[in-house]
Amino acid sequence: MENKFYTITIYTENNVGLLNRVSGIFLKRHINIESINASSSEIQDVHKYVIVVHTTEDWVRKIIGQIEKQVEVIRAYYHTDEEIIYQESAIFKIKSDLLFDERQIQNIIKESNSQIVTVSREFFVIAKTGRRHEIEEVHDKLKPYGIMQFVRSGRISVSKETMEISKILQEFQEN
């Protein structure tokens, strides 16, 4: 089987230590987590982890089985990139004088549909939302000018198809 990117979505109760146990499942199998995001879900008191891994479908199925054995896990799913809508966000901190002295930086911001979040005497901050390759492209273009700080979020995603989790979560909320 061929390695590819899979997005694993886990719906859980919000309990201390669960993320540690879930990450341990990947560690035991020597599978690197490419990105991770934890947030509340569309249902009150239900949390959602979105984890991206690069592995085979066989391994992803086995991991899902192990994750679902955790008591606090309501349900876990995996999807290929084609089955979901996803984004990442990034922010770049750059010296302020470059914003005015280097016209090319303004062009990079405009052409990449990035936004200036804040400007101070010492620095300005650019925000970019998009696919990983779009963020990497902005990073590569800004790098020659000197990036003071950079951070990228984990993937956030929703499935294209209606998921049965909606019904499960509806029942969970009613109880």
Protein backbone atom coordinates (compact mmCIF):
# COMPACT_ATOMS: atom_id res chain seq x y z
CA MET A 1 0.00 0.00 0.00
CA GLU A 2 1.07 3.53 -0.78
CA ASN A 3 1.76 6.21 1.84
CA LYS A 4 -0.46 9.27 1.57
CA PHE A 5 -1.86 11.99 3.79
CA TYR A 6 -4.87 11.11 5.92
CA THR A 7 -6.87 13.42 8.14
CA ILE A 8 -8.10 11.72 11.29
CA THR A 9 -11.02 13.35 13.09
CA ILE A 10 -11.74 12.30 16.65
CA TYR A 11 -14.85 13.35 18.59
CA THR A 12 -14.32 13.08 22.34
CA GLU A 13 -15.36 14.07 25.79
CA ASN A 14 -12.99 16.72 27.14
CA ASN A 15 -10.85 14.79 29.62
CA VAL A 16 -7.33 15.45 30.86
CA GLY A 17 -4.74 13.01 29.51
CA LEU A 18 -6.66 11.81 26.46
CA LEU A 19 -4.44 13.64 23.97
CA ASN A 20 -1.40 12.03 25.59
CA ARG A 21 -2.91 8.55 25.20
CA VAL A 22 -3.94 9.24 21.60
CA SER A 23 -0.47 10.51 20.67
CA GLY A 24 0.97 7.40 22.32
CA ILE A 25 -0.93 5.26 19.82
CA PHE A 26 1.00 6.95 16.99
CA LEU A 27 4.29 6.77 18.91
CA LYS A 28 4.01 3.00 19.39
CA ARG A 29 3.64 2.55 15.63
CA HIS A 30 6.42 5.04 14.76
CA ILE A 31 3.98 7.23 12.81
CA ASN A 32 4.76 10.92 12.87
CA ILE A 33 1.91 13.38 13.43
CA GLU A 34 2.23 16.01 10.69
CA SER A 35 -0.26 18.40 12.31
CA ILE A 36 -2.73 18.41 15.16
CA ASN A 37 -5.57 20.69 16.15
CA ALA A 38 -7.87 20.45 19.16
CA SER A 39 -11.05 22.47 19.50
CA SER A 40 -14.64 22.38 20.57
CA SER A 41 -17.02 20.82 18.04
CA GLU A 42 -20.45 21.78 16.78
CA ILE A 43 -21.98 20.03 19.82
CA GLN A 44 -21.60 21.47 23.32
CA ASP A 45 -19.19 19.54 25.58
CA VAL A 46 -17.85 17.47 22.66
CA HIS A 47 -14.31 18.18 21.51
CA LYS A 48 -12.73 17.47 18.17
CA TYR A 49 -9.14 16.55 17.34
CA VAL A 50 -7.96 16.84 13.76
CA ILE A 51 -4.72 14.93 13.19
CA VAL A 52 -2.83 14.64 9.91
CA VAL A 53 -0.54 11.67 9.27
CA HIS A 54 1.39 10.35 6.28
CA THR A 55 1.03 6.57 6.19
CA THR A 56 -0.89 3.73 4.56
CA GLU A 57 -4.64 3.20 4.73
CA ASP A 58 -4.06 -0.11 6.49
CA TRP A 59 -2.19 1.64 9.32
CA VAL A 60 -4.84 4.37 9.55
CA ARG A 61 -7.58 1.76 9.98
CA LYS A 62 -5.60 0.08 12.77
CA ILE A 63 -4.98 3.44 14.48
CA ILE A 64 -8.68 4.35 14.30
CA GLY A 65 -9.51 1.02 15.97
CA GLN A 66 -7.07 1.74 18.80
CA ILE A 67 -8.30 5.31 19.24
CA GLU A 68 -11.92 4.20 19.47
CA LYS A 69 -11.00 1.86 22.35
CA GLN A 70 -10.34 4.93 24.51
CA VAL A 71 -13.28 5.37 26.88
CA GLU A 72 -13.68 9.13 26.24
CA VAL A 73 -13.71 8.77 22.44
CA ILE A 74 -17.18 9.03 20.95
CA ARG A 75 -16.10 8.27 17.38
CA ALA A 76 -13.06 8.53 15.10
CA TYR A 77 -12.90 8.84 11.30
CA TYR A 78 -10.27 9.17 8.62
CA HIS A 79 -10.42 10.90 5.26
CA THR A 80 -8.19 11.51 2.27
CA ASP A 81 -7.54 15.10 1.16
CA GLU A 82 -10.08 14.69 -1.64
CA GLU A 83 -12.88 13.85 0.83
CA ILE A 84 -12.56 16.99 2.97
CA ILE A 85 -12.39 20.75 2.85
CA TYR A 86 -9.39 21.94 4.84
CA GLN A 87 -7.32 24.98 5.68
CA GLU A 88 -4.36 26.03 7.79
CA SER A 89 -3.46 29.47 9.11
CA ALA A 90 -0.11 31.12 9.61
CA ILE A 91 1.24 34.38 10.93
CA PHE A 92 4.53 36.04 10.01
CA LYS A 93 6.30 38.73 12.07
CA ILE A 94 8.59 41.00 10.02
CA LYS A 95 10.56 44.20 10.76
CA SER A 96 8.35 47.27 10.18
CA ASP A 97 10.80 49.28 8.08
CA LEU A 98 10.60 46.60 5.37
CA LEU A 99 6.87 47.22 4.87
CA PHE A 100 7.63 50.71 3.61
CA ASP A 101 11.13 50.24 2.17
CA GLU A 102 10.54 47.04 0.21
CA ARG A 103 7.71 47.44 -2.28
CA GLN A 104 7.93 43.71 -3.08
CA ILE A 105 6.64 42.81 0.39
CA GLN A 106 3.44 44.75 -0.30
CA ASN A 107 3.12 42.85 -3.58
CA ILE A 108 3.59 39.50 -1.80
CA ILE A 109 0.84 40.40 0.67
CA LYS A 110 -1.56 41.49 -2.06
CA GLU A 111 -0.86 38.61 -4.50
CA SER A 112 -1.16 35.94 -1.79
CA ASN A 113 -4.41 37.34 -0.36
CA SER A 114 -2.69 37.74 3.01
CA GLN A 115 -3.72 40.33 5.58
CA ILE A 116 -1.76 42.76 7.69
CA VAL A 117 -2.93 42.06 11.24
CA THR A 118 -0.99 44.74 13.12
CA VAL A 119 1.74 47.30 12.57
CA SER A 120 4.04 48.77 15.23
CA ARG A 121 7.30 50.72 15.09
CA GLU A 122 9.37 47.54 15.41
CA PHE A 123 7.39 44.96 13.43
CA PHE A 124 4.27 44.11 11.47
CA VAL A 125 2.32 40.86 11.38
CA ILE A 126 0.88 39.18 8.29
CA ALA A 127 -1.80 36.47 8.46
CA LYS A 128 -2.34 33.91 5.70
CA THR A 129 -5.03 31.23 5.55
CA GLY A 130 -4.99 28.50 2.92
CA ARG A 131 -3.56 25.14 1.99
CA ARG A 132 -0.13 24.17 3.28
CA HIS A 133 1.56 24.75 -0.09
CA GLU A 134 0.11 28.29 -0.27
CA ILE A 135 1.49 29.13 3.18
CA GLU A 136 4.86 27.62 2.28
CA GLU A 137 4.92 29.73 -0.89
CA VAL A 138 4.39 32.95 1.11
CA HIS A 139 7.05 31.80 3.59
CA ASP A 140 9.54 31.21 0.78
CA LYS A 141 8.85 34.64 -0.71
CA LEU A 142 9.21 36.45 2.65
CA LYS A 143 12.26 34.51 3.85
CA PRO A 144 14.85 36.65 1.97
CA TYR A 145 13.54 39.72 3.82
CA GLY A 146 14.03 38.16 7.25
CA ILE A 147 11.14 36.59 9.14
CA MET A 148 11.40 37.45 12.84
CA GLN A 149 8.81 34.85 13.88
CA PHE A 150 6.60 32.35 12.09
CA VAL A 151 3.88 29.96 13.26
CA ARG A 152 1.44 27.75 11.37
CA SER A 153 -1.67 26.13 12.81
CA GLY A 154 -2.65 22.53 12.50
CA ARG A 155 -5.13 21.57 9.82
CA ILE A 156 -8.79 22.31 10.37
CA SER A 157 -11.29 20.43 8.24
CA VAL A 158 -14.87 19.45 7.56
CA SER A 159 -15.99 16.49 5.49
CA LYS A 160 -17.67 16.95 2.13
CA GLU A 161 -20.13 14.14 2.81
CA THR A 162 -22.68 14.17 5.63
CA MET A 163 -21.23 12.11 8.45
CA GLU A 164 -23.16 9.80 10.71
CA ILE A 165 -21.43 11.52 13.62
CA SER A 166 -24.01 14.29 13.29
CA LYS A 167 -26.76 11.87 14.33
CA ILE A 168 -24.60 10.35 17.09
CA LEU A 169 -23.72 13.80 18.43
CA GLN A 170 -27.37 14.88 18.29
CA GLU A 171 -28.29 11.89 20.48
CA PHE A 172 -25.31 12.63 22.75
CA GLN A 173 -26.50 16.24 23.19
CA GLU A 174 -30.07 15.18 23.95
CA ASN A 175 -28.93 12.83 26.77
